[in-house]
Structure formats: C-alpha cells, structure tokens
Amino acid sequence: MTWVITRLCRDCVDQACVDVCPVECIYEYKGSDADSFPNQLYIDPEECIDCGACEPECPWEAIYEDVSVPGVFEEDTKLNAKIVDAKDDFEVPTHTEKDQPTPEQVAENKKKWGLDA
C-alpha cells in the first residue's frame, strides 16, 4: 500500500507533508511537460513506506491511501505512479511556509475538483 497526492494539491502545493516524510518520497516536478505533470506534489509509490505521516499534515486534505482514493480522483493514483519513469525531472522540494487555507477554501477546492465535501 502507498499514499497518493490527488489533484486537490494542484496549484496549492503546500509543502508541510514534505517535512514529515521520513524517507523523502514526496516530489515536485521540475521538467517542462506541465501537461503530463501538473503543478502539484507527487508521492513515489516505490519509495513510500506507508507510514501515513503526510496525510494529516496536508491542509488541503489532498492525500489518501491508494485504496481510499475517491473515484473522482482515480487517475491521480496513476499520475503519482508515472513519476517512477520520469525520476530525473523530479526533486524533493525545500519546504517554504505558506498561509494555511480556511475551511471554506478547502471546501471550495474540493467542489472545484468534483469531490462533494
């Protein structure tokens, strides 16, 4: 089992999850193919040790166990897995503090991506 960062992270990219990952398996895309790898963080499924430390740290509630990813985000599991084949274009980001979203912003983001909160 592994954890998946869903599109709820897209363009929000809070990096609190990066700091708590004991194996540094959370990556940011640094390549030029933004169509294939949108602006969000990704978990390498081959490196994830299934500790779950990242999930409660995400203020956007974007991280799920792979078996619990909502159906509307099914493609996000495959998207995270694709980083294995493009590893040279990814790096572990340096955490930068960001303003925490309000509960209303989190709910609006979920609605935007088709997840009924």
PDB file of N, CA and C in Angstrom:
ATOM      1  N   MET A   1       0.847  -1.186   0.000  1.00  0.00           N
ATOM      2  CA  MET A   1       0.000   0.000   0.000  1.00  0.00           C
ATOM      3  C   MET A   1       0.889   1.244   0.000  1.00  0.00           C
ATOM      4  N   THR A   2       0.355   2.304  -0.562  1.00  0.00           N
ATOM      5  CA  THR A   2       1.080   3.565  -0.611  1.00  0.00           C
ATOM      6  C   THR A   2       0.084   4.712  -0.472  1.00  0.00           C
ATOM      7  N   TRP A   3       0.595   5.884  -0.402  1.00  0.00           N
ATOM      8  CA  TRP A   3      -0.233   7.081  -0.303  1.00  0.00           C
ATOM      9  C   TRP A   3      -0.177   7.829  -1.624  1.00  0.00           C
ATOM     10  N   VAL A   4      -1.232   8.594  -1.906  1.00  0.00           N
ATOM     11  CA  VAL A   4      -1.380   9.291  -3.182  1.00  0.00           C
ATOM     12  C   VAL A   4      -1.726  10.749  -2.916  1.00  0.00           C
ATOM     13  N   ILE A   5      -1.038  11.646  -3.611  1.00  0.00           N
ATOM     14  CA  ILE A   5      -1.420  13.060  -3.566  1.00  0.00           C
ATOM     15  C   ILE A   5      -2.337  13.311  -4.756  1.00  0.00           C
ATOM     16  N   THR A   6      -3.530  13.776  -4.466  1.00  0.00           N
ATOM     17  CA  THR A   6      -4.537  13.990  -5.504  1.00  0.00           C
ATOM     18  C   THR A   6      -4.487  15.408  -6.048  1.00  0.00           C
ATOM     19  N   ARG A   7      -5.324  15.653  -7.033  1.00  0.00           N
ATOM     20  CA  ARG A   7      -5.393  16.976  -7.666  1.00  0.00           C
ATOM     21  C   ARG A   7      -5.853  18.071  -6.702  1.00  0.00           C
ATOM     22  N   LEU A   8      -6.289  17.712  -5.510  1.00  0.00           N
ATOM     23  CA  LEU A   8      -6.621  18.738  -4.518  1.00  0.00           C
ATOM     24  C   LEU A   8      -5.389  19.557  -4.148  1.00  0.00           C
ATOM     25  N   CYS A   9      -4.211  19.038  -4.436  1.00  0.00           N
ATOM     26  CA  CYS A   9      -2.945  19.744  -4.199  1.00  0.00           C
ATOM     27  C   CYS A   9      -2.618  20.713  -5.337  1.00  0.00           C
ATOM     28  N   ARG A  10      -3.227  20.490  -6.488  1.00  0.00           N
ATOM     29  CA  ARG A  10      -2.867  21.222  -7.698  1.00  0.00           C
ATOM     30  C   ARG A  10      -2.949  22.732  -7.504  1.00  0.00           C
ATOM     31  N   ASP A  11      -1.841  23.379  -7.791  1.00  0.00           N
ATOM     32  CA  ASP A  11      -1.665  24.826  -7.681  1.00  0.00           C
ATOM     33  C   ASP A  11      -1.741  25.347  -6.246  1.00  0.00           C
ATOM     34  N   CYS A  12      -1.995  24.476  -5.273  1.00  0.00           N
ATOM     35  CA  CYS A  12      -1.960  24.869  -3.863  1.00  0.00           C
ATOM     36  C   CYS A  12      -0.561  24.588  -3.314  1.00  0.00           C
ATOM     37  N   VAL A  13      -0.069  23.393  -3.552  1.00  0.00           N
ATOM     38  CA  VAL A  13       1.289  22.931  -3.284  1.00  0.00           C
ATOM     39  C   VAL A  13       1.829  23.361  -1.915  1.00  0.00           C
ATOM     40  N   ASP A  14       1.037  23.115  -0.893  1.00  0.00           N
ATOM     41  CA  ASP A  14       1.556  23.315   0.455  1.00  0.00           C
ATOM     42  C   ASP A  14       2.557  22.192   0.704  1.00  0.00           C
ATOM     43  N   GLN A  15       3.684  22.503   1.285  1.00  0.00           N
ATOM     44  CA  GLN A  15       4.752  21.516   1.405  1.00  0.00           C
ATOM     45  C   GLN A  15       4.941  20.976   2.821  1.00  0.00           C
ATOM     46  N   ALA A  16       3.947  21.136   3.662  1.00  0.00           N
ATOM     47  CA  ALA A  16       4.064  20.636   5.035  1.00  0.00           C
ATOM     48  C   ALA A  16       4.293  19.127   5.058  1.00  0.00           C
ATOM     49  N   CYS A  17       3.734  18.426   4.085  1.00  0.00           N
ATOM     50  CA  CYS A  17       3.896  16.969   4.023  1.00  0.00           C
ATOM     51  C   CYS A  17       5.346  16.571   3.776  1.00  0.00           C
ATOM     52  N   VAL A  18       6.082  17.399   3.071  1.00  0.00           N
ATOM     53  CA  VAL A  18       7.478  17.100   2.733  1.00  0.00           C
ATOM     54  C   VAL A  18       8.320  16.992   3.996  1.00  0.00           C
ATOM     55  N   ASP A  19       8.107  17.887   4.932  1.00  0.00           N
ATOM     56  CA  ASP A  19       8.905  17.915   6.157  1.00  0.00           C
ATOM     57  C   ASP A  19       8.728  16.684   7.038  1.00  0.00           C
ATOM     58  N   VAL A  20       7.558  16.064   6.996  1.00  0.00           N
ATOM     59  CA  VAL A  20       7.300  14.942   7.892  1.00  0.00           C
ATOM     60  C   VAL A  20       7.581  13.581   7.268  1.00  0.00           C
ATOM     61  N   CYS A  21       7.870  13.553   5.982  1.00  0.00           N
ATOM     62  CA  CYS A  21       8.129  12.276   5.307  1.00  0.00           C
ATOM     63  C   CYS A  21       9.498  11.744   5.724  1.00  0.00           C
ATOM     64  N   PRO A  22       9.539  10.583   6.391  1.00  0.00           N
ATOM     65  CA  PRO A  22      10.820  10.065   6.886  1.00  0.00           C
ATOM     66  C   PRO A  22      11.738   9.513   5.791  1.00  0.00           C
ATOM     67  N   VAL A  23      11.197   9.266   4.595  1.00  0.00           N
ATOM     68  CA  VAL A  23      12.023   8.697   3.523  1.00  0.00           C
ATOM     69  C   VAL A  23      12.144   9.633   2.318  1.00  0.00           C
ATOM     70  N   GLU A  24      11.665  10.847   2.462  1.00  0.00           N
ATOM     71  CA  GLU A  24      11.744  11.860   1.401  1.00  0.00           C
ATOM     72  C   GLU A  24      11.247  11.320   0.058  1.00  0.00           C
ATOM     73  N   CYS A  25      10.011  10.809   0.057  1.00  0.00           N
ATOM     74  CA  CYS A  25       9.443  10.259  -1.178  1.00  0.00           C
ATOM     75  C   CYS A  25       8.412  11.184  -1.802  1.00  0.00           C
ATOM     76  N   ILE A  26       8.323  12.411  -1.316  1.00  0.00           N
ATOM     77  CA  ILE A  26       7.389  13.392  -1.880  1.00  0.00           C
ATOM     78  C   ILE A  26       8.178  14.342  -2.758  1.00  0.00           C
ATOM     79  N   TYR A  27       7.736  14.441  -4.004  1.00  0.00           N
ATOM     80  CA  TYR A  27       8.498  15.167  -5.015  1.00  0.00           C
ATOM     81  C   TYR A  27       7.698  16.265  -5.690  1.00  0.00           C
ATOM     82  N   GLU A  28       8.465  17.176  -6.284  1.00  0.00           N
ATOM     83  CA  GLU A  28       7.921  18.268  -7.085  1.00  0.00           C
ATOM     84  C   GLU A  28       8.484  18.094  -8.505  1.00  0.00           C
ATOM     85  N   TYR A  29       7.653  18.328  -9.501  1.00  0.00           N
ATOM     86  CA  TYR A  29       8.083  18.198 -10.888  1.00  0.00           C
ATOM     87  C   TYR A  29       8.866  19.433 -11.307  1.00  0.00           C
ATOM     88  N   LYS A  30      10.025  19.226 -11.918  1.00  0.00           N
ATOM     89  CA  LYS A  30      10.878  20.328 -12.359  1.00  0.00           C
ATOM     90  C   LYS A  30      11.092  20.313 -13.870  1.00  0.00           C
ATOM     91  N   GLY A  31      10.394  19.429 -14.569  1.00  0.00           N
ATOM     92  CA  GLY A  31      10.541  19.333 -16.013  1.00  0.00           C
ATOM     93  C   GLY A  31       9.686  20.355 -16.747  1.00  0.00           C
ATOM     94  N   SER A  32       9.590  20.182 -18.066  1.00  0.00           N
ATOM     95  CA  SER A  32       8.880  21.156 -18.893  1.00  0.00           C
ATOM     96  C   SER A  32       7.554  20.637 -19.446  1.00  0.00           C
ATOM     97  N   ASP A  33       7.133  19.448 -19.053  1.00  0.00           N
ATOM     98  CA  ASP A  33       5.904  18.858 -19.564  1.00  0.00           C
ATOM     99  C   ASP A  33       4.761  19.019 -18.558  1.00  0.00           C
ATOM    100  N   ALA A  34       4.296  20.249 -18.416  1.00  0.00           N
ATOM    101  CA  ALA A  34       3.250  20.548 -17.433  1.00  0.00           C
ATOM    102  C   ALA A  34       1.921  19.880 -17.787  1.00  0.00           C
ATOM    103  N   ASP A  35       1.743  19.493 -19.036  1.00  0.00           N
ATOM    104  CA  ASP A  35       0.512  18.789 -19.408  1.00  0.00           C
ATOM    105  C   ASP A  35       0.492  17.386 -18.801  1.00  0.00           C
ATOM    106  N   SER A  36       1.648  16.750 -18.759  1.00  0.00           N
ATOM    107  CA  SER A  36       1.733  15.402 -18.186  1.00  0.00           C
ATOM    108  C   SER A  36       1.848  15.422 -16.671  1.00  0.00           C
ATOM    109  N   PHE A  37       2.537  16.434 -16.143  1.00  0.00           N
ATOM    110  CA  PHE A  37       2.751  16.538 -14.700  1.00  0.00           C
ATOM    111  C   PHE A  37       2.362  17.935 -14.218  1.00  0.00           C
ATOM    112  N   PRO A  38       1.076  18.119 -13.871  1.00  0.00           N
ATOM    113  CA  PRO A  38       0.608  19.429 -13.396  1.00  0.00           C
ATOM    114  C   PRO A  38       1.304  19.882 -12.115  1.00  0.00           C
ATOM    115  N   ASN A  39       1.132  21.153 -11.780  1.00  0.00           N
ATOM    116  CA  ASN A  39       1.748  21.777 -10.616  1.00  0.00           C
ATOM    117  C   ASN A  39       1.120  21.259  -9.322  1.00  0.00           C
ATOM    118  N   GLN A  40       1.703  20.194  -8.808  1.00  0.00           N
ATOM    119  CA  GLN A  40       1.299  19.624  -7.526  1.00  0.00           C
ATOM    120  C   GLN A  40       2.466  18.796  -7.024  1.00  0.00           C
ATOM    121  N   LEU A  41       2.335  18.235  -5.856  1.00  0.00           N
ATOM    122  CA  LEU A  41       3.347  17.328  -5.330  1.00  0.00           C
ATOM    123  C   LEU A  41       2.950  15.892  -5.676  1.00  0.00           C
ATOM    124  N   TYR A  42       3.939  15.000  -5.649  1.00  0.00           N
ATOM    125  CA  TYR A  42       3.739  13.599  -6.025  1.00  0.00           C
ATOM    126  C   TYR A  42       4.447  12.702  -5.018  1.00  0.00           C
ATOM    127  N   ILE A  43       3.858  11.531  -4.764  1.00  0.00           N
ATOM    128  CA  ILE A  43       4.494  10.532  -3.902  1.00  0.00           C
ATOM    129  C   ILE A  43       4.982   9.396  -4.787  1.00  0.00           C
ATOM    130  N   ASP A  44       6.264   9.062  -4.660  1.00  0.00           N
ATOM    131  CA  ASP A  44       6.820   7.942  -5.404  1.00  0.00           C
ATOM    132  C   ASP A  44       6.345   6.654  -4.730  1.00  0.00           C
ATOM    133  N   PRO A  45       5.516   5.863  -5.419  1.00  0.00           N
ATOM    134  CA  PRO A  45       4.965   4.661  -4.790  1.00  0.00           C
ATOM    135  C   PRO A  45       6.003   3.594  -4.490  1.00  0.00           C
ATOM    136  N   GLU A  46       7.150   3.644  -5.153  1.00  0.00           N
ATOM    137  CA  GLU A  46       8.196   2.660  -4.888  1.00  0.00           C
ATOM    138  C   GLU A  46       9.023   3.019  -3.654  1.00  0.00           C
ATOM    139  N   GLU A  47       8.963   4.274  -3.237  1.00  0.00           N
ATOM    140  CA  GLU A  47       9.729   4.710  -2.069  1.00  0.00           C
ATOM    141  C   GLU A  47       8.874   4.848  -0.810  1.00  0.00           C
ATOM    142  N   CYS A  48       7.578   5.044  -0.993  1.00  0.00           N
ATOM    143  CA  CYS A  48       6.667   5.247   0.143  1.00  0.00           C
ATOM    144  C   CYS A  48       6.671   4.006   1.035  1.00  0.00           C
ATOM    145  N   ILE A  49       6.822   4.228   2.342  1.00  0.00           N
ATOM    146  CA  ILE A  49       6.840   3.114   3.298  1.00  0.00           C
ATOM    147  C   ILE A  49       5.499   2.973   4.021  1.00  0.00           C
ATOM    148  N   ASP A  50       4.486   3.682   3.547  1.00  0.00           N
ATOM    149  CA  ASP A  50       3.127   3.572   4.080  1.00  0.00           C
ATOM    150  C   ASP A  50       3.020   3.971   5.547  1.00  0.00           C
ATOM    151  N   CYS A  51       3.787   4.987   5.938  1.00  0.00           N
ATOM    152  CA  CYS A  51       3.727   5.417   7.339  1.00  0.00           C
ATOM    153  C   CYS A  51       2.527   6.330   7.601  1.00  0.00           C
ATOM    154  N   GLY A  52       2.054   7.025   6.565  1.00  0.00           N
ATOM    155  CA  GLY A  52       0.887   7.890   6.719  1.00  0.00           C
ATOM    156  C   GLY A  52       1.162   9.220   7.388  1.00  0.00           C
ATOM    157  N   ALA A  53       2.412   9.553   7.639  1.00  0.00           N
ATOM    158  CA  ALA A  53       2.730  10.809   8.325  1.00  0.00           C
ATOM    159  C   ALA A  53       2.312  12.033   7.509  1.00  0.00           C
ATOM    160  N   CYS A  54       2.298  11.908   6.204  1.00  0.00           N
ATOM    161  CA  CYS A  54       1.992  13.043   5.330  1.00  0.00           C
ATOM    162  C   CYS A  54       0.522  13.456   5.377  1.00  0.00           C
ATOM    163  N   GLU A  55      -0.361  12.491   5.490  1.00  0.00           N
ATOM    164  CA  GLU A  55      -1.804  12.753   5.347  1.00  0.00           C
ATOM    165  C   GLU A  55      -2.339  13.820   6.302  1.00  0.00           C
ATOM    166  N   PRO A  56      -2.087  13.724   7.605  1.00  0.00           N
ATOM    167  CA  PRO A  56      -2.654  14.742   8.499  1.00  0.00           C
ATOM    168  C   PRO A  56      -1.999  16.114   8.364  1.00  0.00           C
ATOM    169  N   GLU A  57      -0.833  16.179   7.725  1.00  0.00           N
ATOM    170  CA  GLU A  57      -0.133  17.459   7.568  1.00  0.00           C
ATOM    171  C   GLU A  57      -0.671  18.291   6.414  1.00  0.00           C
ATOM    172  N   CYS A  58      -1.387  17.677   5.489  1.00  0.00           N
ATOM    173  CA  CYS A  58      -1.867  18.393   4.306  1.00  0.00           C
ATOM    174  C   CYS A  58      -3.086  19.244   4.642  1.00  0.00           C
ATOM    175  N   PRO A  59      -2.953  20.575   4.609  1.00  0.00           N
ATOM    176  CA  PRO A  59      -4.081  21.431   4.953  1.00  0.00           C
ATOM    177  C   PRO A  59      -5.179  21.414   3.885  1.00  0.00           C
ATOM    178  N   TRP A  60      -4.860  20.918   2.692  1.00  0.00           N
ATOM    179  CA  TRP A  60      -5.839  20.850   1.590  1.00  0.00           C
ATOM    180  C   TRP A  60      -6.554  19.503   1.551  1.00  0.00           C
ATOM    181  N   GLU A  61      -6.190  18.587   2.474  1.00  0.00           N
ATOM    182  CA  GLU A  61      -6.799  17.262   2.551  1.00  0.00           C
ATOM    183  C   GLU A  61      -6.689  16.529   1.217  1.00  0.00           C
ATOM    184  N   ALA A  62      -5.501  16.620   0.603  1.00  0.00           N
ATOM    185  CA  ALA A  62      -5.269  16.090  -0.740  1.00  0.00           C
ATOM    186  C   ALA A  62      -4.637  14.705  -0.756  1.00  0.00           C
ATOM    187  N   ILE A  63      -4.284  14.152   0.399  1.00  0.00           N
ATOM    188  CA  ILE A  63      -3.537  12.899   0.440  1.00  0.00           C
ATOM    189  C   ILE A  63      -4.427  11.768   0.963  1.00  0.00           C
ATOM    190  N   TYR A  64      -4.412  10.648   0.215  1.00  0.00           N
ATOM    191  CA  TYR A  64      -5.226   9.485   0.550  1.00  0.00           C
ATOM    192  C   TYR A  64      -4.389   8.216   0.430  1.00  0.00           C
ATOM    193  N   GLU A  65      -4.772   7.177   1.193  1.00  0.00           N
ATOM    194  CA  GLU A  65      -4.215   5.851   0.945  1.00  0.00           C
ATOM    195  C   GLU A  65      -4.688   5.433  -0.439  1.00  0.00           C
ATOM    196  N   ASP A  66      -3.861   4.702  -1.178  1.00  0.00           N
ATOM    197  CA  ASP A  66      -4.237   4.348  -2.539  1.00  0.00           C
ATOM    198  C   ASP A  66      -5.573   3.607  -2.614  1.00  0.00           C
ATOM    199  N   VAL A  67      -5.874   2.784  -1.631  1.00  0.00           N
ATOM    200  CA  VAL A  67      -7.146   2.048  -1.640  1.00  0.00           C
ATOM    201  C   VAL A  67      -8.338   2.921  -1.256  1.00  0.00           C
ATOM    202  N   SER A  68      -8.079   4.137  -0.759  1.00  0.00           N
ATOM    203  CA  SER A  68      -9.153   5.034  -0.326  1.00  0.00           C
ATOM    204  C   SER A  68      -9.308   6.273  -1.206  1.00  0.00           C
ATOM    205  N   VAL A  69      -8.562   6.331  -2.303  1.00  0.00           N
ATOM    206  CA  VAL A  69      -8.668   7.494  -3.191  1.00  0.00           C
ATOM    207  C   VAL A  69     -10.095   7.538  -3.749  1.00  0.00           C
ATOM    208  N   PRO A  70     -10.786   8.679  -3.605  1.00  0.00           N
ATOM    209  CA  PRO A  70     -12.140   8.787  -4.153  1.00  0.00           C
ATOM    210  C   PRO A  70     -12.144   8.514  -5.659  1.00  0.00           C
ATOM    211  N   GLY A  71     -13.212   7.902  -6.134  1.00  0.00           N
ATOM    212  CA  GLY A  71     -13.326   7.545  -7.544  1.00  0.00           C
ATOM    213  C   GLY A  71     -13.070   8.696  -8.491  1.00  0.00           C
ATOM    214  N   VAL A  72     -13.482   9.884  -8.114  1.00  0.00           N
ATOM    215  CA  VAL A  72     -13.293  11.061  -8.967  1.00  0.00           C
ATOM    216  C   VAL A  72     -11.807  11.381  -9.169  1.00  0.00           C
ATOM    217  N   PHE A  73     -10.955  10.864  -8.289  1.00  0.00           N
ATOM    218  CA  PHE A  73      -9.514  11.093  -8.375  1.00  0.00           C
ATOM    219  C   PHE A  73      -8.738   9.837  -8.794  1.00  0.00           C
ATOM    220  N   GLU A  74      -9.424   8.870  -9.372  1.00  0.00           N
ATOM    221  CA  GLU A  74      -8.802   7.598  -9.749  1.00  0.00           C
ATOM    222  C   GLU A  74      -7.544   7.796 -10.601  1.00  0.00           C
ATOM    223  N   GLU A  75      -7.580   8.732 -11.520  1.00  0.00           N
ATOM    224  CA  GLU A  75      -6.430   8.984 -12.400  1.00  0.00           C
ATOM    225  C   GLU A  75      -5.214   9.502 -11.625  1.00  0.00           C
ATOM    226  N   ASP A  76      -5.425  10.094 -10.463  1.00  0.00           N
ATOM    227  CA  ASP A  76      -4.323  10.652  -9.682  1.00  0.00           C
ATOM    228  C   ASP A  76      -3.398   9.564  -9.140  1.00  0.00           C
ATOM    229  N   THR A  77      -3.930   8.380  -8.897  1.00  0.00           N
ATOM    230  CA  THR A  77      -3.092   7.266  -8.459  1.00  0.00           C
ATOM    231  C   THR A  77      -2.111   6.911  -9.572  1.00  0.00           C
ATOM    232  N   LYS A  78      -2.612   6.837 -10.798  1.00  0.00           N
ATOM    233  CA  LYS A  78      -1.758   6.541 -11.951  1.00  0.00           C
ATOM    234  C   LYS A  78      -0.752   7.671 -12.186  1.00  0.00           C
ATOM    235  N   LEU A  79      -1.191   8.905 -11.980  1.00  0.00           N
ATOM    236  CA  LEU A  79      -0.307  10.057 -12.180  1.00  0.00           C
ATOM    237  C   LEU A  79       0.868  10.008 -11.205  1.00  0.00           C
ATOM    238  N   ASN A  80       0.612   9.702  -9.947  1.00  0.00           N
ATOM    239  CA  ASN A  80       1.702   9.580  -8.973  1.00  0.00           C
ATOM    240  C   ASN A  80       2.655   8.468  -9.379  1.00  0.00           C
ATOM    241  N   ALA A  81       2.128   7.359  -9.874  1.00  0.00           N
ATOM    242  CA  ALA A  81       2.964   6.225 -10.271  1.00  0.00           C
ATOM    243  C   ALA A  81       3.852   6.554 -11.474  1.00  0.00           C
ATOM    244  N   LYS A  82       3.419   7.486 -12.320  1.00  0.00           N
ATOM    245  CA  LYS A  82       4.195   7.844 -13.513  1.00  0.00           C
ATOM    246  C   LYS A  82       5.533   8.486 -13.180  1.00  0.00           C
ATOM    247  N   ILE A  83       5.703   8.998 -11.980  1.00  0.00           N
ATOM    248  CA  ILE A  83       6.966   9.673 -11.669  1.00  0.00           C
ATOM    249  C   ILE A  83       8.133   8.694 -11.646  1.00  0.00           C
ATOM    250  N   VAL A  84       7.842   7.416 -11.436  1.00  0.00           N
ATOM    251  CA  VAL A  84       8.894   6.401 -11.397  1.00  0.00           C
ATOM    252  C   VAL A  84       9.678   6.393 -12.720  1.00  0.00           C
ATOM    253  N   ASP A  85       8.972   6.591 -13.821  1.00  0.00           N
ATOM    254  CA  ASP A  85       9.608   6.555 -15.140  1.00  0.00           C
ATOM    255  C   ASP A  85      10.203   7.897 -15.563  1.00  0.00           C
ATOM    256  N   ALA A  86       9.977   8.936 -14.787  1.00  0.00           N
ATOM    257  CA  ALA A  86      10.485  10.275 -15.145  1.00  0.00           C
ATOM    258  C   ALA A  86      11.261  10.880 -13.984  1.00  0.00           C
ATOM    259  N   LYS A  87      11.889  10.050 -13.186  1.00  0.00           N
ATOM    260  CA  LYS A  87      12.507  10.472 -11.926  1.00  0.00           C
ATOM    261  C   LYS A  87      13.511  11.617 -12.072  1.00  0.00           C
ATOM    262  N   ASP A  88      14.205  11.689 -13.201  1.00  0.00           N
ATOM    263  CA  ASP A  88      15.197  12.750 -13.390  1.00  0.00           C
ATOM    264  C   ASP A  88      14.574  14.145 -13.410  1.00  0.00           C
ATOM    265  N   ASP A  89      13.269  14.218 -13.656  1.00  0.00           N
ATOM    266  CA  ASP A  89      12.583  15.511 -13.723  1.00  0.00           C
ATOM    267  C   ASP A  89      11.926  15.907 -12.403  1.00  0.00           C
ATOM    268  N   PHE A  90      12.210  15.163 -11.343  1.00  0.00           N
ATOM    269  CA  PHE A  90      11.604  15.419 -10.038  1.00  0.00           C
ATOM    270  C   PHE A  90      12.673  15.640  -8.984  1.00  0.00           C
ATOM    271  N   GLU A  91      12.329  16.426  -7.974  1.00  0.00           N
ATOM    272  CA  GLU A  91      13.215  16.588  -6.819  1.00  0.00           C
ATOM    273  C   GLU A  91      12.381  16.822  -5.576  1.00  0.00           C
ATOM    274  N   VAL A  92      12.966  16.480  -4.447  1.00  0.00           N
ATOM    275  CA  VAL A  92      12.307  16.749  -3.166  1.00  0.00           C
ATOM    276  C   VAL A  92      12.392  18.260  -2.944  1.00  0.00           C
ATOM    277  N   PRO A  93      11.248  18.927  -2.793  1.00  0.00           N
ATOM    278  CA  PRO A  93      11.291  20.384  -2.640  1.00  0.00           C
ATOM    279  C   PRO A  93      11.761  20.813  -1.257  1.00  0.00           C
ATOM    280  N   THR A  94      12.263  22.020  -1.204  1.00  0.00           N
ATOM    281  CA  THR A  94      12.579  22.642   0.073  1.00  0.00           C
ATOM    282  C   THR A  94      11.296  23.282   0.579  1.00  0.00           C
ATOM    283  N   HIS A  95      10.949  22.969   1.803  1.00  0.00           N
ATOM    284  CA  HIS A  95       9.685  23.460   2.365  1.00  0.00           C
ATOM    285  C   HIS A  95       9.707  24.976   2.546  1.00  0.00           C
ATOM    286  N   THR A  96       8.699  25.609   2.000  1.00  0.00           N
ATOM    287  CA  THR A  96       8.503  27.044   2.225  1.00  0.00           C
ATOM    288  C   THR A  96       7.164  27.217   2.922  1.00  0.00           C
ATOM    289  N   GLU A  97       7.161  28.030   3.956  1.00  0.00           N
ATOM    290  CA  GLU A  97       5.924  28.278   4.704  1.00  0.00           C
ATOM    291  C   GLU A  97       4.890  28.952   3.807  1.00  0.00           C
ATOM    292  N   LYS A  98       3.655  28.492   3.934  1.00  0.00           N
ATOM    293  CA  LYS A  98       2.547  29.088   3.190  1.00  0.00           C
ATOM    294  C   LYS A  98       1.407  29.351   4.155  1.00  0.00           C
ATOM    295  N   ASP A  99       0.571  30.318   3.794  1.00  0.00           N
ATOM    296  CA  ASP A  99      -0.612  30.578   4.604  1.00  0.00           C
ATOM    297  C   ASP A  99      -1.524  29.360   4.558  1.00  0.00           C
ATOM    298  N   GLN A 100      -2.079  29.016   5.686  1.00  0.00           N
ATOM    299  CA  GLN A 100      -2.988  27.882   5.754  1.00  0.00           C
ATOM    300  C   GLN A 100      -4.341  28.269   5.164  1.00  0.00           C
ATOM    301  N   PRO A 101      -4.957  27.369   4.408  1.00  0.00           N
ATOM    302  CA  PRO A 101      -6.275  27.677   3.849  1.00  0.00           C
ATOM    303  C   PRO A 101      -7.341  27.654   4.940  1.00  0.00           C
ATOM    304  N   THR A 102      -8.383  28.400   4.705  1.00  0.00           N
ATOM    305  CA  THR A 102      -9.527  28.370   5.617  1.00  0.00           C
ATOM    306  C   THR A 102     -10.364  27.132   5.300  1.00  0.00           C
ATOM    307  N   PRO A 103     -11.212  26.712   6.211  1.00  0.00           N
ATOM    308  CA  PRO A 103     -12.108  25.585   5.909  1.00  0.00           C
ATOM    309  C   PRO A 103     -12.964  25.861   4.658  1.00  0.00           C
ATOM    310  N   GLU A 104     -13.326  27.108   4.459  1.00  0.00           N
ATOM    311  CA  GLU A 104     -14.119  27.459   3.276  1.00  0.00           C
ATOM    312  C   GLU A 104     -13.305  27.268   1.993  1.00  0.00           C
ATOM    313  N   GLN A 105     -12.025  27.627   2.029  1.00  0.00           N
ATOM    314  CA  GLN A 105     -11.167  27.447   0.854  1.00  0.00           C
ATOM    315  C   GLN A 105     -10.976  25.961   0.552  1.00  0.00           C
ATOM    316  N   VAL A 106     -10.814  25.154   1.580  1.00  0.00           N
ATOM    317  CA  VAL A 106     -10.662  23.710   1.395  1.00  0.00           C
ATOM    318  C   VAL A 106     -11.937  23.141   0.761  1.00  0.00           C
ATOM    319  N   ALA A 107     -13.089  23.546   1.284  1.00  0.00           N
ATOM    320  CA  ALA A 107     -14.368  23.058   0.746  1.00  0.00           C
ATOM    321  C   ALA A 107     -14.553  23.501  -0.706  1.00  0.00           C
ATOM    322  N   GLU A 108     -14.201  24.729  -1.014  1.00  0.00           N
ATOM    323  CA  GLU A 108     -14.319  25.235  -2.381  1.00  0.00           C
ATOM    324  C   GLU A 108     -13.381  24.484  -3.328  1.00  0.00           C
ATOM    325  N   ASN A 109     -12.187  24.169  -2.878  1.00  0.00           N
ATOM    326  CA  ASN A 109     -11.238  23.415  -3.695  1.00  0.00           C
ATOM    327  C   ASN A 109     -11.779  22.011  -3.981  1.00  0.00           C
ATOM    328  N   LYS A 110     -12.360  21.372  -2.983  1.00  0.00           N
ATOM    329  CA  LYS A 110     -12.945  20.048  -3.188  1.00  0.00           C
ATOM    330  C   LYS A 110     -14.088  20.120  -4.200  1.00  0.00           C
ATOM    331  N   LYS A 111     -14.906  21.135  -4.075  1.00  0.00           N
ATOM    332  CA  LYS A 111     -16.021  21.313  -5.000  1.00  0.00           C
ATOM    333  C   LYS A 111     -15.507  21.540  -6.424  1.00  0.00           C
ATOM    334  N   LYS A 112     -14.458  22.345  -6.553  1.00  0.00           N
ATOM    335  CA  LYS A 112     -13.856  22.650  -7.856  1.00  0.00           C
ATOM    336  C   LYS A 112     -13.439  21.383  -8.585  1.00  0.00           C
ATOM    337  N   TRP A 113     -12.917  20.402  -7.846  1.00  0.00           N
ATOM    338  CA  TRP A 113     -12.418  19.164  -8.453  1.00  0.00           C
ATOM    339  C   TRP A 113     -13.444  18.027  -8.429  1.00  0.00           C
ATOM    340  N   GLY A 114     -14.684  18.344  -8.063  1.00  0.00           N
ATOM    341  CA  GLY A 114     -15.752  17.349  -8.154  1.00  0.00           C
ATOM    342  C   GLY A 114     -15.902  16.423  -6.975  1.00  0.00           C
ATOM    343  N   LEU A 115     -15.313  16.778  -5.841  1.00  0.00           N
ATOM    344  CA  LEU A 115     -15.452  15.966  -4.645  1.00  0.00           C
ATOM    345  C   LEU A 115     -16.461  16.639  -3.734  1.00  0.00           C
ATOM    346  N   ASP A 116     -17.528  15.948  -3.459  1.00  0.00           N
ATOM    347  CA  ASP A 116     -18.532  16.502  -2.542  1.00  0.00           C
ATOM    348  C   ASP A 116     -18.000  16.390  -1.133  1.00  0.00           C
ATOM    349  N   ALA A 117     -17.788  17.539  -0.501  1.00  0.00           N
ATOM    350  CA  ALA A 117     -17.213  17.566   0.845  1.00  0.00           C
ATOM    351  C   ALA A 117     -18.236  17.160   1.890  1.00  0.00           C
TER     352      ALA A 117
END
